[in-house]
C-alpha atoms as a PDB file:
ATOM      1  CA  MET A   1      15.023  27.650  -6.221  1.00  0.00           C
ATOM      2  CA  HIS A   2      13.185  24.400  -6.886  1.00  0.00           C
ATOM      3  CA  LYS A   3      12.121  22.413  -3.862  1.00  0.00           C
ATOM      4  CA  LYS A   4      13.461  18.824  -3.784  1.00  0.00           C
ATOM      5  CA  VAL A   5      11.568  15.563  -4.140  1.00  0.00           C
ATOM      6  CA  LEU A   6      12.350  13.041  -1.496  1.00  0.00           C
ATOM      7  CA  ILE A   7      11.640   9.336  -2.152  1.00  0.00           C
ATOM      8  CA  ILE A   8      11.668   6.872   0.788  1.00  0.00           C
ATOM      9  CA  SER A   9      11.685   3.169  -0.092  1.00  0.00           C
ATOM     10  CA  HIS A  10      14.200   0.281  -0.349  1.00  0.00           C
ATOM     11  CA  SER A  11      16.928  -0.493  -2.847  1.00  0.00           C
ATOM     12  CA  GLY A  12      15.006  -3.140  -4.622  1.00  0.00           C
ATOM     13  CA  ASP A  13      11.938  -1.019  -5.450  1.00  0.00           C
ATOM     14  CA  LEU A  14      11.554  -0.796  -9.234  1.00  0.00           C
ATOM     15  CA  HIS A  15       8.684   1.681  -8.848  1.00  0.00           C
ATOM     16  CA  ALA A  16      11.033   4.127  -7.092  1.00  0.00           C
ATOM     17  CA  ASP A  17      13.719   3.527  -9.641  1.00  0.00           C
ATOM     18  CA  LEU A  18      11.507   4.304 -12.678  1.00  0.00           C
ATOM     19  CA  VAL A  19       9.806   7.317 -11.081  1.00  0.00           C
ATOM     20  CA  GLY A  20      13.295   8.627 -10.100  1.00  0.00           C
ATOM     21  CA  SER A  21      14.353   8.315 -13.726  1.00  0.00           C
ATOM     22  CA  LEU A  22      11.362  10.222 -14.874  1.00  0.00           C
ATOM     23  CA  LEU A  23      11.885  13.013 -12.273  1.00  0.00           C
ATOM     24  CA  ALA A  24      15.593  13.316 -13.298  1.00  0.00           C
ATOM     25  CA  ALA A  25      14.521  13.559 -17.060  1.00  0.00           C
ATOM     26  CA  ARG A  26      12.287  16.386 -16.002  1.00  0.00           C
ATOM     27  CA  GLY A  27      15.207  18.138 -14.385  1.00  0.00           C
ATOM     28  CA  ARG A  28      14.037  17.272 -10.854  1.00  0.00           C
ATOM     29  CA  ALA A  29      16.394  14.476  -9.733  1.00  0.00           C
ATOM     30  CA  PRO A  30      15.021  13.293  -6.449  1.00  0.00           C
ATOM     31  CA  PHE A  31      16.972  12.513  -3.137  1.00  0.00           C
ATOM     32  CA  ARG A  32      16.329   8.914  -2.201  1.00  0.00           C
ATOM     33  CA  ILE A  33      16.492   7.119   1.094  1.00  0.00           C
ATOM     34  CA  ASP A  34      16.847   3.439   0.841  1.00  0.00           C
ATOM     35  CA  LEU A  35      15.699   2.228   4.228  1.00  0.00           C
ATOM     36  CA  ASP A  36      17.477  -1.211   3.777  1.00  0.00           C
ATOM     37  CA  ALA A  37      20.674   0.859   3.715  1.00  0.00           C
ATOM     38  CA  PHE A  38      19.759   3.283   6.435  1.00  0.00           C
ATOM     39  CA  PRO A  39      21.401   4.504   8.620  1.00  0.00           C
ATOM     40  CA  ARG A  40      24.524   2.537   7.516  1.00  0.00           C
ATOM     41  CA  ASP A  41      25.034   4.463   4.361  1.00  0.00           C
ATOM     42  CA  TYR A  42      23.705   7.882   5.482  1.00  0.00           C
ATOM     43  CA  GLN A  43      24.413  10.585   7.840  1.00  0.00           C
ATOM     44  CA  LEU A  44      21.557  12.501   9.505  1.00  0.00           C
ATOM     45  CA  CYS A  45      21.562  15.392  11.821  1.00  0.00           C
ATOM     46  CA  GLN A  46      18.625  17.259  13.462  1.00  0.00           C
ATOM     47  CA  ARG A  47      18.913  20.344  15.678  1.00  0.00           C
ATOM     48  CA  VAL A  48      16.466  22.128  17.877  1.00  0.00           C
ATOM     49  CA  GLN A  49      18.174  25.301  19.078  1.00  0.00           C
ATOM     50  CA  ASP A  50      17.331  28.916  19.866  1.00  0.00           C
ATOM     51  CA  GLY A  51      13.676  28.143  19.073  1.00  0.00           C
ATOM     52  CA  ARG A  52      14.455  26.803  15.712  1.00  0.00           C
ATOM     53  CA  ALA A  53      14.477  23.230  14.159  1.00  0.00           C
ATOM     54  CA  SER A  54      16.622  22.123  11.334  1.00  0.00           C
ATOM     55  CA  ALA A  55      17.788  18.837   9.799  1.00  0.00           C
ATOM     56  CA  ARG A  56      20.126  17.712   7.044  1.00  0.00           C
ATOM     57  CA  LEU A  57      20.898  14.382   5.463  1.00  0.00           C
ATOM     58  CA  ARG A  58      23.499  12.962   3.098  1.00  0.00           C
ATOM     59  CA  ARG A  59      24.363   9.640   1.477  1.00  0.00           C
ATOM     60  CA  LEU A  60      27.881   8.230   2.215  1.00  0.00           C
ATOM     61  CA  PRO A  61      30.614   8.262   1.216  1.00  0.00           C
ATOM     62  CA  ASP A  62      30.586  11.676  -0.556  1.00  0.00           C
ATOM     63  CA  GLY A  63      26.936  12.659  -1.343  1.00  0.00           C
ATOM     64  CA  ASP A  64      25.917  16.278  -0.935  1.00  0.00           C
ATOM     65  CA  TRP A  65      24.048  17.381   2.102  1.00  0.00           C
ATOM     66  CA  LEU A  66      20.307  17.948   1.731  1.00  0.00           C
ATOM     67  CA  ASP A  67      18.769  20.583   3.903  1.00  0.00           C
ATOM     68  CA  LEU A  68      15.367  19.059   4.601  1.00  0.00           C
ATOM     69  CA  GLN A  69      13.837  22.468   4.687  1.00  0.00           C
ATOM     70  CA  ASP A  70      14.399  22.357   0.870  1.00  0.00           C
ATOM     71  CA  VAL A  71      12.127  19.307   0.552  1.00  0.00           C
ATOM     72  CA  GLY A  72       8.865  20.200  -1.171  1.00  0.00           C
ATOM     73  CA  ALA A  73       7.421  16.647  -1.779  1.00  0.00           C
ATOM     74  CA  VAL A  74       7.771  13.234  -0.209  1.00  0.00           C
ATOM     75  CA  TRP A  75       6.841   9.921  -1.704  1.00  0.00           C
ATOM     76  CA  LEU A  76       6.622   7.474   1.044  1.00  0.00           C
ATOM     77  CA  ARG A  77       6.717   4.254  -0.894  1.00  0.00           C
ATOM     78  CA  LYS A  78       7.726   1.087   0.986  1.00  0.00           C
ATOM     79  CA  ALA A  79       9.137   0.121   4.337  1.00  0.00           C
ATOM     80  CA  ALA A  80      12.272  -2.043   4.963  1.00  0.00           C
ATOM     81  CA  ASP A  81      14.430  -3.370   7.722  1.00  0.00           C
ATOM     82  CA  TYR A  82      17.240  -0.959   8.666  1.00  0.00           C
ATOM     83  CA  ALA A  83      20.797  -1.743   8.223  1.00  0.00           C
ATOM     84  CA  TYR A  84      23.682  -0.890  10.577  1.00  0.00           C
ATOM     85  CA  ALA A  85      27.447  -0.566  10.182  1.00  0.00           C
ATOM     86  CA  SER A  86      27.921  -3.368  12.808  1.00  0.00           C
ATOM     87  CA  ALA A  87      27.036  -6.754  11.410  1.00  0.00           C
ATOM     88  CA  ASP A  88      27.301  -8.498  14.867  1.00  0.00           C
ATOM     89  CA  LEU A  89      24.658  -6.655  16.884  1.00  0.00           C
ATOM     90  CA  THR A  90      23.190  -8.849  19.650  1.00  0.00           C
ATOM     91  CA  PRO A  91      19.290  -9.215  19.340  1.00  0.00           C
ATOM     92  CA  GLN A  92      18.882  -6.617  22.089  1.00  0.00           C
ATOM     93  CA  GLU A  93      21.265  -4.202  20.456  1.00  0.00           C
ATOM     94  CA  ARG A  94      19.426  -4.559  17.125  1.00  0.00           C
ATOM     95  CA  ALA A  95      16.001  -4.167  18.704  1.00  0.00           C
ATOM     96  CA  TYR A  96      17.147  -0.980  20.453  1.00  0.00           C
ATOM     97  CA  ALA A  97      18.838   0.304  17.361  1.00  0.00           C
ATOM     98  CA  GLN A  98      15.553  -0.175  15.363  1.00  0.00           C
ATOM     99  CA  LEU A  99      13.531   1.833  17.884  1.00  0.00           C
ATOM    100  CA  GLU A 100      16.160   4.687  18.033  1.00  0.00           C
ATOM    101  CA  THR A 101      16.373   4.750  14.177  1.00  0.00           C
ATOM    102  CA  GLU A 102      12.725   5.020  13.942  1.00  0.00           C
ATOM    103  CA  GLN A 103      12.722   7.908  16.317  1.00  0.00           C
ATOM    104  CA  ALA A 104      15.412   9.667  14.420  1.00  0.00           C
ATOM    105  CA  VAL A 105      13.860   9.240  11.073  1.00  0.00           C
ATOM    106  CA  PHE A 106      10.299  10.055  11.884  1.00  0.00           C
ATOM    107  CA  SER A 107      11.166  12.965  14.305  1.00  0.00           C
ATOM    108  CA  VAL A 108      12.610  14.574  11.114  1.00  0.00           C
ATOM    109  CA  LEU A 109       9.997  13.535   8.637  1.00  0.00           C
ATOM    110  CA  TYR A 110       6.993  14.446  10.634  1.00  0.00           C
ATOM    111  CA  GLY A 111       8.358  18.003  10.920  1.00  0.00           C
ATOM    112  CA  LEU A 112       8.505  18.510   7.125  1.00  0.00           C
ATOM    113  CA  ASP A 113       6.023  21.148   5.775  1.00  0.00           C
ATOM    114  CA  CYS A 114       5.519  19.668   2.288  1.00  0.00           C
ATOM    115  CA  TYR A 115       3.403  17.683  -0.026  1.00  0.00           C
ATOM    116  CA  TRP A 116       3.104  13.984   0.895  1.00  0.00           C
ATOM    117  CA  LEU A 117       2.283  11.109  -1.345  1.00  0.00           C
ATOM    118  CA  SER A 118       1.038   9.928   1.379  1.00  0.00           C
ATOM    119  CA  HIS A 119       1.673  11.127   4.973  1.00  0.00           C
ATOM    120  CA  PRO A 120       2.638   8.288   7.445  1.00  0.00           C
ATOM    121  CA  LEU A 121      -0.136   9.224   9.722  1.00  0.00           C
ATOM    122  CA  ALA A 122      -2.694   8.971   6.881  1.00  0.00           C
ATOM    123  CA  LEU A 123      -1.192   5.578   5.888  1.00  0.00           C
ATOM    124  CA  ARG A 124      -1.383   4.350   9.448  1.00  0.00           C
ATOM    125  CA  GLY A 125      -5.088   5.180   9.733  1.00  0.00           C
ATOM    126  CA  ALA A 126      -6.038   3.771   6.337  1.00  0.00           C
ATOM    127  CA  GLN A 127      -4.707   0.227   6.592  1.00  0.00           C
ATOM    128  CA  TRP A 128      -7.342  -1.438   8.646  1.00  0.00           C
ATOM    129  CA  LYS A 129      -9.497  -3.728   6.467  1.00  0.00           C
ATOM    130  CA  GLY A 130     -12.540  -3.850   8.689  1.00  0.00           C
ATOM    131  CA  GLU A 131     -12.622  -0.168   9.170  1.00  0.00           C
ATOM    132  CA  GLN A 132     -12.261   0.305   5.330  1.00  0.00           C
ATOM    133  CA  LEU A 133     -15.407  -1.922   4.801  1.00  0.00           C
ATOM    134  CA  ALA A 134     -17.411   0.084   7.382  1.00  0.00           C
ATOM    135  CA  ARG A 135     -16.278   3.497   5.802  1.00  0.00           C
ATOM    136  CA  ALA A 136     -17.042   2.195   2.238  1.00  0.00           C
ATOM    137  CA  ALA A 137     -20.572   1.181   3.322  1.00  0.00           C
ATOM    138  CA  ARG A 138     -21.206   4.605   4.967  1.00  0.00           C
ATOM    139  CA  MET A 139     -20.006   6.186   1.685  1.00  0.00           C
ATOM    140  CA  GLY A 140     -22.554   4.297  -0.448  1.00  0.00           C
ATOM    141  CA  PHE A 141     -20.555   1.319  -1.676  1.00  0.00           C
ATOM    142  CA  ARG A 142     -21.944  -2.124  -1.628  1.00  0.00           C
ATOM    143  CA  VAL A 143     -19.561  -4.192   0.463  1.00  0.00           C
ATOM    144  CA  PRO A 144     -19.630  -8.097   1.006  1.00  0.00           C
ATOM    145  CA  ALA A 145     -21.232  -9.380   4.122  1.00  0.00           C
ATOM    146  CA  THR A 146     -18.355  -9.883   6.466  1.00  0.00           C
ATOM    147  CA  VAL A 147     -17.546 -11.352   9.946  1.00  0.00           C
ATOM    148  CA  ILE A 148     -14.148 -10.789  11.640  1.00  0.00           C
ATOM    149  CA  THR A 149     -14.230 -13.027  14.699  1.00  0.00           C
ATOM    150  CA  ASN A 150     -12.357 -15.559  16.897  1.00  0.00           C
ATOM    151  CA  VAL A 151     -15.646 -17.252  17.768  1.00  0.00           C
ATOM    152  CA  PRO A 152     -16.182 -20.398  15.720  1.00  0.00           C
ATOM    153  CA  ASP A 153     -19.895 -20.337  16.361  1.00  0.00           C
ATOM    154  CA  ASP A 154     -19.978 -16.832  14.833  1.00  0.00           C
ATOM    155  CA  VAL A 155     -18.643 -18.196  11.543  1.00  0.00           C
ATOM    156  CA  ARG A 156     -21.079 -21.098  11.399  1.00  0.00           C
ATOM    157  CA  ALA A 157     -23.980 -18.638  12.072  1.00  0.00           C
ATOM    158  CA  PHE A 158     -22.664 -16.288   9.524  1.00  0.00           C
ATOM    159  CA  ARG A 159     -22.446 -19.011   6.801  1.00  0.00           C
ATOM    160  CA  ALA A 160     -26.048 -20.066   7.658  1.00  0.00           C
ATOM    161  CA  ALA A 161     -27.226 -16.509   7.355  1.00  0.00           C
ATOM    162  CA  VAL A 162     -25.403 -15.890   4.085  1.00  0.00           C
ATOM    163  CA  LYS A 163     -27.150 -19.036   2.627  1.00  0.00           C
ATOM    164  CA  GLY A 164     -24.348 -19.471   0.215  1.00  0.00           C
ATOM    165  CA  PRO A 165     -20.580 -19.915  -0.161  1.00  0.00           C
ATOM    166  CA  ILE A 166     -18.351 -17.935   2.107  1.00  0.00           C
ATOM    167  CA  ILE A 167     -14.620 -17.151   1.667  1.00  0.00           C
ATOM    168  CA  PHE A 168     -11.666 -16.820   3.970  1.00  0.00           C
ATOM    169  CA  LYS A 169      -9.423 -13.828   3.168  1.00  0.00           C
ATOM    170  CA  SER A 170      -6.356 -12.678   5.237  1.00  0.00           C
ATOM    171  CA  MET A 171      -6.584  -9.179   6.476  1.00  0.00           C
ATOM    172  CA  SER A 172      -2.847  -8.410   6.591  1.00  0.00           C
ATOM    173  CA  THR A 173      -0.890 -10.506   3.968  1.00  0.00           C
ATOM    174  CA  PRO A 174      -1.747 -13.628   1.951  1.00  0.00           C
ATOM    175  CA  SER A 175       1.826 -14.759   2.591  1.00  0.00           C
ATOM    176  CA  LEU A 176       0.820 -15.462   6.214  1.00  0.00           C
ATOM    177  CA  ALA A 177       4.026 -13.475   7.128  1.00  0.00           C
ATOM    178  CA  ALA A 178       6.381 -16.054   5.672  1.00  0.00           C
ATOM    179  CA  GLU A 179       8.729 -13.327   4.408  1.00  0.00           C
ATOM    180  CA  THR A 180       9.266 -12.160   8.078  1.00  0.00           C
ATOM    181  CA  VAL A 181      10.849 -15.501   9.370  1.00  0.00           C
ATOM    182  CA  GLU A 182      13.813 -17.492   8.390  1.00  0.00           C
ATOM    183  CA  GLU A 183      13.135 -20.117   5.748  1.00  0.00           C
ATOM    184  CA  VAL A 184      13.648 -23.001   8.151  1.00  0.00           C
ATOM    185  CA  ASP A 185      10.906 -21.554  10.326  1.00  0.00           C
ATOM    186  CA  ARG A 186       8.246 -21.187   7.570  1.00  0.00           C
ATOM    187  CA  VAL A 187       5.361 -23.588   7.849  1.00  0.00           C
ATOM    188  CA  SER A 188       3.352 -22.249   4.916  1.00  0.00           C
ATOM    189  CA  ALA A 189       4.048 -20.087   1.875  1.00  0.00           C
ATOM    190  CA  GLY A 190       0.670 -18.466   2.206  1.00  0.00           C
ATOM    191  CA  ILE A 191      -2.981 -18.760   1.347  1.00  0.00           C
ATOM    192  CA  GLY A 192      -5.003 -16.551  -1.074  1.00  0.00           C
ATOM    193  CA  THR A 193      -8.720 -15.875  -0.914  1.00  0.00           C
ATOM    194  CA  THR A 194     -10.210 -19.294  -0.466  1.00  0.00           C
ATOM    195  CA  ILE A 195     -13.722 -20.736  -0.619  1.00  0.00           C
ATOM    196  CA  VAL A 196     -14.426 -22.297   2.764  1.00  0.00           C
ATOM    197  CA  ASP A 197     -15.296 -25.945   1.953  1.00  0.00           C
ATOM    198  CA  ASP A 198     -16.600 -28.731   4.285  1.00  0.00           C
ATOM    199  CA  ALA A 199     -13.089 -29.603   5.432  1.00  0.00           C
ATOM    200  CA  MET A 200     -12.484 -26.115   6.559  1.00  0.00           C
ATOM    201  CA  LEU A 201     -15.813 -25.950   8.237  1.00  0.00           C
ATOM    202  CA  ASP A 202     -14.813 -29.057  10.262  1.00  0.00           C
ATOM    203  CA  SER A 203     -11.652 -27.189  11.361  1.00  0.00           C
ATOM    204  CA  LEU A 204     -13.317 -23.966  12.460  1.00  0.00           C
ATOM    205  CA  ASP A 205     -12.296 -24.383  16.033  1.00  0.00           C
ATOM    206  CA  ALA A 206      -8.945 -23.139  14.973  1.00  0.00           C
ATOM    207  CA  VAL A 207     -10.567 -19.727  14.702  1.00  0.00           C
ATOM    208  CA  GLY A 208     -10.436 -19.567  18.420  1.00  0.00           C
ATOM    209  CA  GLU A 209      -6.653 -18.856  18.121  1.00  0.00           C
ATOM    210  CA  LEU A 210      -7.004 -15.432  16.420  1.00  0.00           C
ATOM    211  CA  SER A 211      -9.588 -13.334  14.795  1.00  0.00           C
ATOM    212  CA  CYS A 212     -10.108 -14.247  11.087  1.00  0.00           C
ATOM    213  CA  GLN A 213     -12.023 -12.578   8.143  1.00  0.00           C
ATOM    214  CA  PHE A 214     -14.858 -14.339   6.308  1.00  0.00           C
ATOM    215  CA  GLN A 215     -17.061 -12.864   3.733  1.00  0.00           C
ATOM    216  CA  GLU A 216     -19.932 -13.789   1.474  1.00  0.00           C
ATOM    217  CA  TYR A 217     -18.706 -15.021  -1.960  1.00  0.00           C
ATOM    218  CA  ILE A 218     -20.030 -12.641  -4.640  1.00  0.00           C
ATOM    219  CA  ALA A 219     -20.170 -13.823  -8.229  1.00  0.00           C
ATOM    220  CA  LYS A 220     -17.933 -11.677 -10.573  1.00  0.00           C
ATOM    221  CA  GLN A 221     -18.336 -10.592 -14.151  1.00  0.00           C
ATOM    222  CA  TYR A 222     -14.916  -8.959 -13.969  1.00  0.00           C
ATOM    223  CA  GLU A 223     -12.778  -7.076 -11.431  1.00  0.00           C
ATOM    224  CA  LEU A 224     -11.282  -3.485 -11.319  1.00  0.00           C
ATOM    225  CA  ARG A 225      -8.072  -2.156 -10.037  1.00  0.00           C
ATOM    226  CA  ILE A 226      -8.442   1.505  -9.512  1.00  0.00           C
ATOM    227  CA  THR A 227      -5.396   3.599  -8.811  1.00  0.00           C
ATOM    228  CA  VAL A 228      -5.912   7.093  -7.338  1.00  0.00           C
ATOM    229  CA  ILE A 229      -2.872   9.459  -7.625  1.00  0.00           C
ATOM    230  CA  GLY A 230      -3.567  12.876  -6.354  1.00  0.00           C
ATOM    231  CA  LYS A 231      -6.645  14.059  -8.028  1.00  0.00           C
ATOM    232  CA  GLN A 232      -6.349  11.652 -10.915  1.00  0.00           C
ATOM    233  CA  LEU A 233      -8.003   8.145 -11.097  1.00  0.00           C
ATOM    234  CA  PHE A 234      -7.067   5.332 -13.461  1.00  0.00           C
ATOM    235  CA  ALA A 235      -9.140   2.140 -13.844  1.00  0.00           C
ATOM    236  CA  ALA A 236      -8.066  -1.247 -15.175  1.00  0.00           C
ATOM    237  CA  ARG A 237     -10.500  -4.030 -15.991  1.00  0.00           C
ATOM    238  CA  LEU A 238      -9.342  -7.492 -15.088  1.00  0.00           C
ATOM    239  CA  TYR A 239     -10.901 -10.487 -16.819  1.00  0.00           C
ATOM    240  CA  SER A 240     -10.329 -12.739 -13.872  1.00  0.00           C
ATOM    241  CA  GLN A 241     -13.210 -15.139 -14.756  1.00  0.00           C
ATOM    242  CA  ASP A 242     -11.322 -16.195 -17.936  1.00  0.00           C
ATOM    243  CA  ASP A 243      -9.047 -18.486 -15.890  1.00  0.00           C
ATOM    244  CA  ALA A 244      -9.726 -20.935 -13.148  1.00  0.00           C
ATOM    245  CA  ARG A 245      -6.509 -19.693 -11.430  1.00  0.00           C
ATOM    246  CA  THR A 246      -7.840 -16.219 -10.975  1.00  0.00           C
ATOM    247  CA  ALA A 247     -11.538 -16.815 -10.607  1.00  0.00           C
ATOM    248  CA  ILE A 248     -11.486 -16.611  -6.876  1.00  0.00           C
ATOM    249  CA  ASP A 249      -8.261 -14.629  -6.288  1.00  0.00           C
ATOM    250  CA  SER A 250      -6.934 -12.427  -9.139  1.00  0.00           C
ATOM    251  CA  ARG A 251      -3.559 -12.177  -7.503  1.00  0.00           C
ATOM    252  CA  ASP A 252      -2.179 -15.259  -9.276  1.00  0.00           C
ATOM    253  CA  MET A 253       0.115 -13.484 -11.873  1.00  0.00           C
ATOM    254  CA  SER A 254       0.915 -16.795 -13.610  1.00  0.00           C
ATOM    255  CA  ALA A 255      -2.466 -16.668 -15.331  1.00  0.00           C
ATOM    256  CA  PRO A 256      -2.376 -14.559 -18.527  1.00  0.00           C
ATOM    257  CA  ILE A 257      -5.805 -12.907 -18.068  1.00  0.00           C
ATOM    258  CA  ARG A 258      -6.729  -9.911 -20.002  1.00  0.00           C
ATOM    259  CA  TYR A 259      -6.344  -6.272 -18.541  1.00  0.00           C
ATOM    260  CA  GLU A 260      -7.713  -3.151 -20.220  1.00  0.00           C
ATOM    261  CA  ALA A 261      -8.268   0.356 -19.460  1.00  0.00           C
ATOM    262  CA  CYS A 262     -11.873   1.406 -18.753  1.00  0.00           C
ATOM    263  CA  THR A 263     -14.010   4.346 -17.800  1.00  0.00           C
ATOM    264  CA  LEU A 264     -15.969   4.214 -14.626  1.00  0.00           C
ATOM    265  CA  PRO A 265     -19.499   5.598 -14.145  1.00  0.00           C
ATOM    266  CA  ALA A 266     -19.108   9.211 -12.816  1.00  0.00           C
ATOM    267  CA  GLU A 267     -20.750   8.323  -9.451  1.00  0.00           C
ATOM    268  CA  ILE A 268     -18.310   5.432  -8.886  1.00  0.00           C
ATOM    269  CA  GLN A 269     -15.338   7.491  -9.907  1.00  0.00           C
ATOM    270  CA  GLN A 270     -16.212  10.241  -7.527  1.00  0.00           C
ATOM    271  CA  ARG A 271     -16.861   7.806  -4.668  1.00  0.00           C
ATOM    272  CA  CYS A 272     -13.472   6.189  -5.170  1.00  0.00           C
ATOM    273  CA  LEU A 273     -11.728   9.508  -5.120  1.00  0.00           C
ATOM    274  CA  ALA A 274     -13.640  10.634  -2.025  1.00  0.00           C
ATOM    275  CA  PHE A 275     -12.930   7.370  -0.216  1.00  0.00           C
ATOM    276  CA  VAL A 276      -9.100   7.665  -0.688  1.00  0.00           C
ATOM    277  CA  HIS A 277      -9.059  11.390   0.158  1.00  0.00           C
ATOM    278  CA  SER A 278     -11.293  10.782   3.264  1.00  0.00           C
ATOM    279  CA  TYR A 279      -8.175   9.371   4.968  1.00  0.00           C
ATOM    280  CA  GLY A 280      -5.958  12.347   3.917  1.00  0.00           C
ATOM    281  CA  LEU A 281      -4.264   9.967   1.416  1.00  0.00           C
ATOM    282  CA  GLU A 282      -2.866  11.164  -1.970  1.00  0.00           C
ATOM    283  CA  TYR A 283      -2.602   7.660  -3.285  1.00  0.00           C
ATOM    284  CA  GLY A 284      -4.731   4.479  -3.191  1.00  0.00           C
ATOM    285  CA  ALA A 285      -5.070   1.209  -5.116  1.00  0.00           C
ATOM    286  CA  LEU A 286      -8.659   0.095  -4.804  1.00  0.00           C
ATOM    287  CA  ASP A 287      -9.986  -3.385  -5.683  1.00  0.00           C
ATOM    288  CA  LEU A 288     -13.615  -3.554  -6.813  1.00  0.00           C
ATOM    289  CA  ILE A 289     -15.566  -6.343  -8.459  1.00  0.00           C
ATOM    290  CA  VAL A 290     -18.550  -5.929 -10.899  1.00  0.00           C
ATOM    291  CA  THR A 291     -21.243  -8.584 -10.600  1.00  0.00           C
ATOM    292  CA  PRO A 292     -22.916 -10.215 -13.567  1.00  0.00           C
ATOM    293  CA  GLU A 293     -25.811  -7.808 -12.817  1.00  0.00           C
ATOM    294  CA  GLY A 294     -23.465  -4.779 -13.226  1.00  0.00           C
ATOM    295  CA  GLU A 295     -23.334  -3.894  -9.592  1.00  0.00           C
ATOM    296  CA  TYR A 296     -20.056  -2.410  -8.170  1.00  0.00           C
ATOM    297  CA  VAL A 297     -18.816  -3.993  -4.987  1.00  0.00           C
ATOM    298  CA  PHE A 298     -15.972  -2.637  -2.891  1.00  0.00           C
ATOM    299  CA  LEU A 299     -13.353  -5.054  -1.554  1.00  0.00           C
ATOM    300  CA  GLU A 300     -10.437  -3.073  -0.254  1.00  0.00           C
ATOM    301  CA  ASN A 301      -8.008  -0.158  -0.642  1.00  0.00           C
ATOM    302  CA  ASN A 302      -4.247  -0.580  -0.527  1.00  0.00           C
ATOM    303  CA  PRO A 303      -2.692   2.675   0.657  1.00  0.00           C
ATOM    304  CA  VAL A 304       0.756   1.847  -0.824  1.00  0.00           C
ATOM    305  CA  GLY A 305      -0.392  -0.828  -3.266  1.00  0.00           C
ATOM    306  CA  GLN A 306       1.620  -1.900  -6.389  1.00  0.00           C
ATOM    307  CA  PHE A 307       0.864  -0.203  -9.682  1.00  0.00           C
ATOM    308  CA  LEU A 308       3.757  -0.956 -11.980  1.00  0.00           C
ATOM    309  CA  TYR A 309       2.248  -4.217 -13.126  1.00  0.00           C
ATOM    310  CA  VAL A 310      -0.958  -2.411 -14.139  1.00  0.00           C
ATOM    311  CA  GLN A 311       0.892  -0.060 -16.479  1.00  0.00           C
ATOM    312  CA  GLN A 312       2.938  -2.997 -17.758  1.00  0.00           C
ATOM    313  CA  LEU A 313      -0.295  -4.741 -18.686  1.00  0.00           C
ATOM    314  CA  VAL A 314      -2.083  -1.692 -19.685  1.00  0.00           C
ATOM    315  CA  PRO A 315       0.374   0.751 -21.252  1.00  0.00           C
ATOM    316  CA  ALA A 316      -2.475   3.205 -21.975  1.00  0.00           C
ATOM    317  CA  LEU A 317      -2.502   4.054 -18.234  1.00  0.00           C
ATOM    318  CA  PRO A 318       0.378   6.409 -17.498  1.00  0.00           C
ATOM    319  CA  LEU A 319       0.727   5.744 -13.765  1.00  0.00           C
ATOM    320  CA  LEU A 320       4.424   6.235 -13.446  1.00  0.00           C
ATOM    321  CA  GLU A 321       4.210   9.530 -15.276  1.00  0.00           C
ATOM    322  CA  SER A 322       1.328  10.632 -13.034  1.00  0.00           C
ATOM    323  CA  VAL A 323       3.259   9.884  -9.973  1.00  0.00           C
ATOM    324  CA  ALA A 324       6.262  11.906 -11.283  1.00  0.00           C
ATOM    325  CA  ASP A 325       4.038  14.874 -12.242  1.00  0.00           C
ATOM    326  CA  THR A 326       2.113  14.754  -9.067  1.00  0.00           C
ATOM    327  CA  LEU A 327       5.319  15.026  -6.991  1.00  0.00           C
ATOM    328  CA  ILE A 328       6.685  17.824  -9.123  1.00  0.00           C
ATOM    329  CA  GLU A 329       3.442  19.670  -8.878  1.00  0.00           C
ATOM    330  CA  GLY A 330       3.428  19.203  -5.084  1.00  0.00           C
ATOM    331  CA  ALA A 331       6.958  20.371  -4.823  1.00  0.00           C
ATOM    332  CA  VAL A 332       6.407  23.400  -7.076  1.00  0.00           C
ATOM    333  CA  CYS A 333       3.526  24.408  -4.862  1.00  0.00           C
ATOM    334  CA  ARG A 334       5.916  24.634  -1.941  1.00  0.00           C
ATOM    335  CA  SER A 335       8.655  26.417  -3.784  1.00  0.00           C
ATOM    336  CA  PRO A 336       9.199  30.162  -3.151  1.00  0.00           C
ATOM    337  CA  THR A 337       7.819  32.417  -5.797  1.00  0.00           C
END
């Protein structure tokens, strides 16, 4: 019997939709948990009895029960807010329900003996941007000179030591968490990577409120989006310097810059693979830049970063197919012979 593939995401995730269709076309239709409909539209039962643990899951109203011992591979894609049958929970009831749901879900998932793309513990350990930079430097990458501090004088001293432009870059989200609050409570739509100008230097005392990340600005010839899926690596070159909108921060998708597939030097390729796998991750989306002198500079790794847009812009990179094949291979390795 084939082991099942389990996909965990939310109902609006096009990545999960497309990979699910590919798996179904290969005769390996996945079971999917949409966390924004969980537990409202699901039933879950875990038992620990007579020295044995078991768990089963089904989608309402009439889905088949899935014995979670039959799961051979899990793709942990994206988180989402849980949903409940009662729409009028008080704030305390909702807060408690979220904590209990988290306990129920991960008590089951952590017990699965299967292939993970990627395991939640690995994802948790891999998300810290300052640690990423320190690890990348230890592994031989050039990284931008960086200071993360809530001491304004540290930023002033850093800028003086760099002897050139510095940038501000959010460590968590460029949206400044706007999506987590009601629209009426939003004071900003976000801020991308930004050159620190004289006006910002005059406002540095605001850094005393919380730690912020500042880096030396490094001139770019082009940028790289490097996607690691299992043992495979796919590299896309971004000509971010072709448009003023992406010259500092390439995430402005309104700019029609060129993307193309490229081949990395063997040393850089192996270093990228080693970096992702050093966390126990099976997936990573790394951002690097290449300087006008041809030097490769590590910026960050996104443990659950988006990749569909890369394949849409560079159809030669079969990223969706690679995810589907990797999940099938992982599940097959856990199947009884």
